[in-house]
Amino acid sequence: MQPIDLKHWKNAEKVQNACNMSGILIAFLDAVRAIREAGADGDTINSHPIVRAFADKVASVAGVQYLGVDAAMQAHGDVMDYLNQGGMESCNR
């Protein structure tokens, strides 16, 4: 799998303070497309930290948050870890 553009990692972190569902979803779709174009299959896309971070935020804004706290925190942690490492390394998730 090819590296995911740094902007999608940053957007996954920035969106955590967002409240505009349409803006969240536009960025989410853009990120999913980028992950798919990087060579990820369906299961990899669904479990990618960027996707989980966005999905958790969508659920929160919609008031239907079912993702377990541990899994959501892990996704957010994975995004932050990637960004803290400089965001230039390939992530094979």
N, C-alpha and C. Protein backbone atom coordinates (compact mmCIF):
# COMPACT_ATOMS: atom_id res chain seq x y z
N MET A 1 0.85 -1.18 0.00
CA MET A 1 0.00 0.00 0.00
C MET A 1 0.89 1.24 0.00
N GLN A 2 0.50 2.22 -0.79
CA GLN A 2 1.23 3.48 -0.86
C GLN A 2 0.93 4.34 0.38
N PRO A 3 1.81 5.29 0.71
CA PRO A 3 1.53 6.19 1.85
C PRO A 3 0.29 7.04 1.57
N ILE A 4 -0.42 7.38 2.62
CA ILE A 4 -1.60 8.23 2.53
C ILE A 4 -1.13 9.68 2.70
N ASP A 5 -1.62 10.57 1.84
CA ASP A 5 -1.24 11.98 1.90
C ASP A 5 -1.45 12.51 3.33
N LEU A 6 -0.47 13.27 3.80
CA LEU A 6 -0.48 13.82 5.15
C LEU A 6 -1.73 14.63 5.45
N LYS A 7 -2.32 15.27 4.45
CA LYS A 7 -3.50 16.10 4.70
C LYS A 7 -4.65 15.28 5.28
N HIS A 8 -4.75 14.00 4.91
CA HIS A 8 -5.85 13.17 5.42
C HIS A 8 -5.62 12.81 6.88
N TRP A 9 -4.37 12.60 7.26
CA TRP A 9 -4.04 12.36 8.68
C TRP A 9 -4.37 13.62 9.49
N LYS A 10 -3.98 14.77 8.97
CA LYS A 10 -4.25 16.03 9.67
C LYS A 10 -5.75 16.30 9.76
N ASN A 11 -6.48 16.04 8.68
CA ASN A 11 -7.93 16.24 8.72
C ASN A 11 -8.61 15.33 9.72
N ALA A 12 -8.12 14.10 9.86
CA ALA A 12 -8.69 13.17 10.84
C ALA A 12 -8.52 13.69 12.26
N GLU A 13 -7.45 14.43 12.49
CA GLU A 13 -7.22 15.03 13.81
C GLU A 13 -8.04 16.30 13.96
N LYS A 14 -8.03 17.15 12.95
CA LYS A 14 -8.75 18.44 13.02
C LYS A 14 -10.25 18.25 13.15
N VAL A 15 -10.79 17.24 12.51
CA VAL A 15 -12.24 17.03 12.49
C VAL A 15 -12.79 16.74 13.89
N GLN A 16 -11.95 16.39 14.82
CA GLN A 16 -12.42 16.05 16.16
C GLN A 16 -13.05 17.26 16.86
N ASN A 17 -12.77 18.46 16.39
CA ASN A 17 -13.39 19.66 16.95
C ASN A 17 -14.49 20.23 16.06
N ALA A 18 -14.85 19.51 15.02
CA ALA A 18 -15.83 20.00 14.05
C ALA A 18 -17.26 19.69 14.50
N CYS A 19 -18.19 20.46 13.97
CA CYS A 19 -19.61 20.21 14.27
C CYS A 19 -20.48 20.29 13.01
N ASN A 20 -19.88 20.57 11.86
CA ASN A 20 -20.60 20.69 10.60
C ASN A 20 -20.55 19.34 9.88
N MET A 21 -21.64 18.62 9.91
CA MET A 21 -21.67 17.27 9.35
C MET A 21 -21.29 17.25 7.88
N SER A 22 -21.75 18.21 7.09
CA SER A 22 -21.43 18.17 5.66
C SER A 22 -19.93 18.33 5.43
N GLY A 23 -19.29 19.21 6.17
CA GLY A 23 -17.85 19.38 6.04
C GLY A 23 -17.09 18.14 6.47
N ILE A 24 -17.55 17.52 7.55
CA ILE A 24 -16.93 16.29 8.03
C ILE A 24 -17.03 15.20 6.96
N LEU A 25 -18.21 15.05 6.39
CA LEU A 25 -18.42 13.99 5.40
C LEU A 25 -17.65 14.22 4.11
N ILE A 26 -17.52 15.46 3.69
CA ILE A 26 -16.74 15.74 2.48
C ILE A 26 -15.29 15.34 2.70
N ALA A 27 -14.72 15.72 3.84
CA ALA A 27 -13.33 15.35 4.15
C ALA A 27 -13.20 13.84 4.33
N PHE A 28 -14.20 13.21 4.94
CA PHE A 28 -14.20 11.76 5.16
C PHE A 28 -14.17 11.03 3.81
N LEU A 29 -15.04 11.42 2.90
CA LEU A 29 -15.07 10.78 1.58
C LEU A 29 -13.75 10.96 0.84
N ASP A 30 -13.19 12.15 0.92
CA ASP A 30 -11.91 12.41 0.28
C ASP A 30 -10.83 11.49 0.85
N ALA A 31 -10.83 11.30 2.16
CA ALA A 31 -9.85 10.42 2.80
C ALA A 31 -10.05 8.97 2.39
N VAL A 32 -11.28 8.51 2.36
CA VAL A 32 -11.56 7.12 1.97
C VAL A 32 -11.11 6.87 0.53
N ARG A 33 -11.37 7.82 -0.34
CA ARG A 33 -10.91 7.68 -1.73
C ARG A 33 -9.39 7.57 -1.80
N ALA A 34 -8.71 8.40 -1.02
CA ALA A 34 -7.24 8.39 -1.03
C ALA A 34 -6.70 7.06 -0.50
N ILE A 35 -7.33 6.54 0.53
CA ILE A 35 -6.89 5.25 1.09
C ILE A 35 -7.11 4.13 0.07
N ARG A 36 -8.24 4.16 -0.60
CA ARG A 36 -8.52 3.17 -1.64
C ARG A 36 -7.52 3.28 -2.79
N GLU A 37 -7.26 4.51 -3.22
CA GLU A 37 -6.31 4.73 -4.31
C GLU A 37 -4.89 4.36 -3.93
N ALA A 38 -4.61 4.33 -2.62
CA ALA A 38 -3.28 3.91 -2.14
C ALA A 38 -3.12 2.40 -2.20
N GLY A 39 -4.21 1.69 -2.53
CA GLY A 39 -4.13 0.25 -2.69
C GLY A 39 -4.79 -0.58 -1.61
N ALA A 40 -5.53 0.07 -0.73
CA ALA A 40 -6.17 -0.67 0.37
C ALA A 40 -7.40 -1.43 -0.13
N ASP A 41 -7.61 -2.61 0.46
CA ASP A 41 -8.84 -3.36 0.17
C ASP A 41 -9.93 -2.89 1.15
N GLY A 42 -11.11 -3.45 1.01
CA GLY A 42 -12.25 -3.03 1.82
C GLY A 42 -12.02 -3.16 3.32
N ASP A 43 -11.49 -4.31 3.76
CA ASP A 43 -11.26 -4.51 5.19
C ASP A 43 -10.22 -3.53 5.72
N THR A 44 -9.19 -3.28 4.94
CA THR A 44 -8.15 -2.34 5.35
C THR A 44 -8.71 -0.93 5.45
N ILE A 45 -9.53 -0.55 4.48
CA ILE A 45 -10.16 0.77 4.53
C ILE A 45 -11.02 0.88 5.79
N ASN A 46 -11.85 -0.10 6.04
CA ASN A 46 -12.77 -0.05 7.17
C ASN A 46 -12.07 0.04 8.52
N SER A 47 -10.89 -0.53 8.62
CA SER A 47 -10.19 -0.53 9.92
C SER A 47 -9.05 0.49 9.98
N HIS A 48 -8.89 1.29 8.94
CA HIS A 48 -7.80 2.27 8.91
C HIS A 48 -8.04 3.32 10.00
N PRO A 49 -6.99 3.76 10.71
CA PRO A 49 -7.16 4.76 11.78
C PRO A 49 -7.83 6.05 11.31
N ILE A 50 -7.54 6.49 10.11
CA ILE A 50 -8.19 7.70 9.60
C ILE A 50 -9.69 7.48 9.48
N VAL A 51 -10.09 6.35 8.92
CA VAL A 51 -11.51 6.04 8.74
C VAL A 51 -12.20 5.92 10.09
N ARG A 52 -11.57 5.25 11.02
CA ARG A 52 -12.19 5.09 12.35
C ARG A 52 -12.32 6.42 13.08
N ALA A 53 -11.33 7.29 12.94
CA ALA A 53 -11.42 8.61 13.57
C ALA A 53 -12.58 9.42 12.99
N PHE A 54 -12.71 9.41 11.66
CA PHE A 54 -13.83 10.11 11.03
C PHE A 54 -15.16 9.47 11.41
N ALA A 55 -15.24 8.15 11.35
CA ALA A 55 -16.49 7.45 11.66
C ALA A 55 -16.94 7.74 13.09
N ASP A 56 -15.99 7.79 14.01
CA ASP A 56 -16.31 8.10 15.40
C ASP A 56 -16.89 9.51 15.51
N LYS A 57 -16.30 10.46 14.77
CA LYS A 57 -16.81 11.84 14.82
C LYS A 57 -18.19 11.94 14.20
N VAL A 58 -18.40 11.26 13.08
CA VAL A 58 -19.73 11.27 12.45
C VAL A 58 -20.76 10.71 13.44
N ALA A 59 -20.43 9.62 14.09
CA ALA A 59 -21.35 9.02 15.07
C ALA A 59 -21.62 9.99 16.22
N SER A 60 -20.59 10.69 16.66
CA SER A 60 -20.74 11.65 17.74
C SER A 60 -21.66 12.80 17.35
N VAL A 61 -21.42 13.39 16.18
CA VAL A 61 -22.24 14.51 15.72
C VAL A 61 -23.68 14.05 15.50
N ALA A 62 -23.85 12.82 15.01
CA ALA A 62 -25.19 12.28 14.75
C ALA A 62 -25.88 11.79 16.03
N GLY A 63 -25.11 11.69 17.12
CA GLY A 63 -25.69 11.24 18.38
C GLY A 63 -25.91 9.74 18.45
N VAL A 64 -25.15 8.98 17.68
CA VAL A 64 -25.31 7.52 17.66
C VAL A 64 -23.96 6.83 17.81
N GLN A 65 -23.23 7.19 18.80
CA GLN A 65 -21.86 6.70 18.96
C GLN A 65 -21.85 5.31 19.58
N TYR A 66 -21.55 4.30 18.73
CA TYR A 66 -21.50 2.93 19.20
C TYR A 66 -20.11 2.34 19.20
N LEU A 67 -19.15 3.00 18.56
CA LEU A 67 -17.79 2.52 18.56
C LEU A 67 -17.28 2.54 19.99
N GLY A 68 -16.75 1.42 20.46
CA GLY A 68 -16.25 1.35 21.83
C GLY A 68 -15.19 2.42 22.07
N VAL A 69 -15.17 2.91 23.30
CA VAL A 69 -14.24 3.97 23.65
C VAL A 69 -12.80 3.53 23.39
N ASP A 70 -12.46 2.29 23.71
CA ASP A 70 -11.09 1.83 23.50
C ASP A 70 -10.70 1.87 22.02
N ALA A 71 -11.58 1.41 21.15
CA ALA A 71 -11.30 1.40 19.71
C ALA A 71 -11.20 2.83 19.17
N ALA A 72 -12.09 3.72 19.62
CA ALA A 72 -12.04 5.11 19.17
C ALA A 72 -10.77 5.79 19.63
N MET A 73 -10.41 5.58 20.88
CA MET A 73 -9.18 6.20 21.41
C MET A 73 -7.95 5.64 20.69
N GLN A 74 -7.97 4.37 20.34
CA GLN A 74 -6.85 3.78 19.61
C GLN A 74 -6.72 4.42 18.23
N ALA A 75 -7.84 4.63 17.55
CA ALA A 75 -7.80 5.27 16.23
C ALA A 75 -7.25 6.69 16.34
N HIS A 76 -7.73 7.45 17.32
CA HIS A 76 -7.23 8.81 17.51
C HIS A 76 -5.74 8.78 17.87
N GLY A 77 -5.35 7.84 18.72
CA GLY A 77 -3.94 7.70 19.09
C GLY A 77 -3.07 7.35 17.90
N ASP A 78 -3.56 6.46 17.04
CA ASP A 78 -2.80 6.08 15.84
C ASP A 78 -2.60 7.27 14.91
N VAL A 79 -3.64 8.09 14.75
CA VAL A 79 -3.51 9.28 13.91
C VAL A 79 -2.48 10.23 14.50
N MET A 80 -2.57 10.46 15.81
CA MET A 80 -1.63 11.39 16.46
C MET A 80 -0.20 10.84 16.41
N ASP A 81 -0.04 9.54 16.62
CA ASP A 81 1.29 8.93 16.53
C ASP A 81 1.90 9.16 15.16
N TYR A 82 1.10 8.95 14.13
CA TYR A 82 1.59 9.14 12.76
C TYR A 82 2.02 10.60 12.55
N LEU A 83 1.17 11.53 12.99
CA LEU A 83 1.49 12.94 12.81
C LEU A 83 2.73 13.33 13.62
N ASN A 84 2.86 12.80 14.82
CA ASN A 84 4.01 13.12 15.67
C ASN A 84 5.31 12.55 15.13
N GLN A 85 5.22 11.52 14.29
CA GLN A 85 6.42 10.93 13.67
C GLN A 85 6.80 11.69 12.41
N GLY A 86 6.13 12.76 12.13
CA GLY A 86 6.44 13.54 10.95
C GLY A 86 5.51 13.28 9.79
N GLY A 87 4.71 12.26 9.87
CA GLY A 87 3.71 12.00 8.85
C GLY A 87 4.24 11.66 7.49
N MET A 88 5.50 11.28 7.38
CA MET A 88 6.07 11.01 6.07
C MET A 88 6.31 9.53 5.84
N GLU A 89 6.16 8.72 6.86
CA GLU A 89 6.40 7.30 6.71
C GLU A 89 5.16 6.60 6.17
N SER A 90 5.36 5.49 5.53
CA SER A 90 4.25 4.70 5.03
C SER A 90 3.56 4.03 6.20
N CYS A 91 2.25 4.02 6.17
CA CYS A 91 1.46 3.32 7.19
C CYS A 91 0.72 2.21 6.49
N ASN A 92 0.95 0.98 6.90
CA ASN A 92 0.35 -0.18 6.22
C ASN A 92 -0.93 -0.64 6.87
N ARG A 93 -1.71 0.25 7.41
CA ARG A 93 -2.97 -0.13 8.02
C ARG A 93 -4.08 0.04 7.03
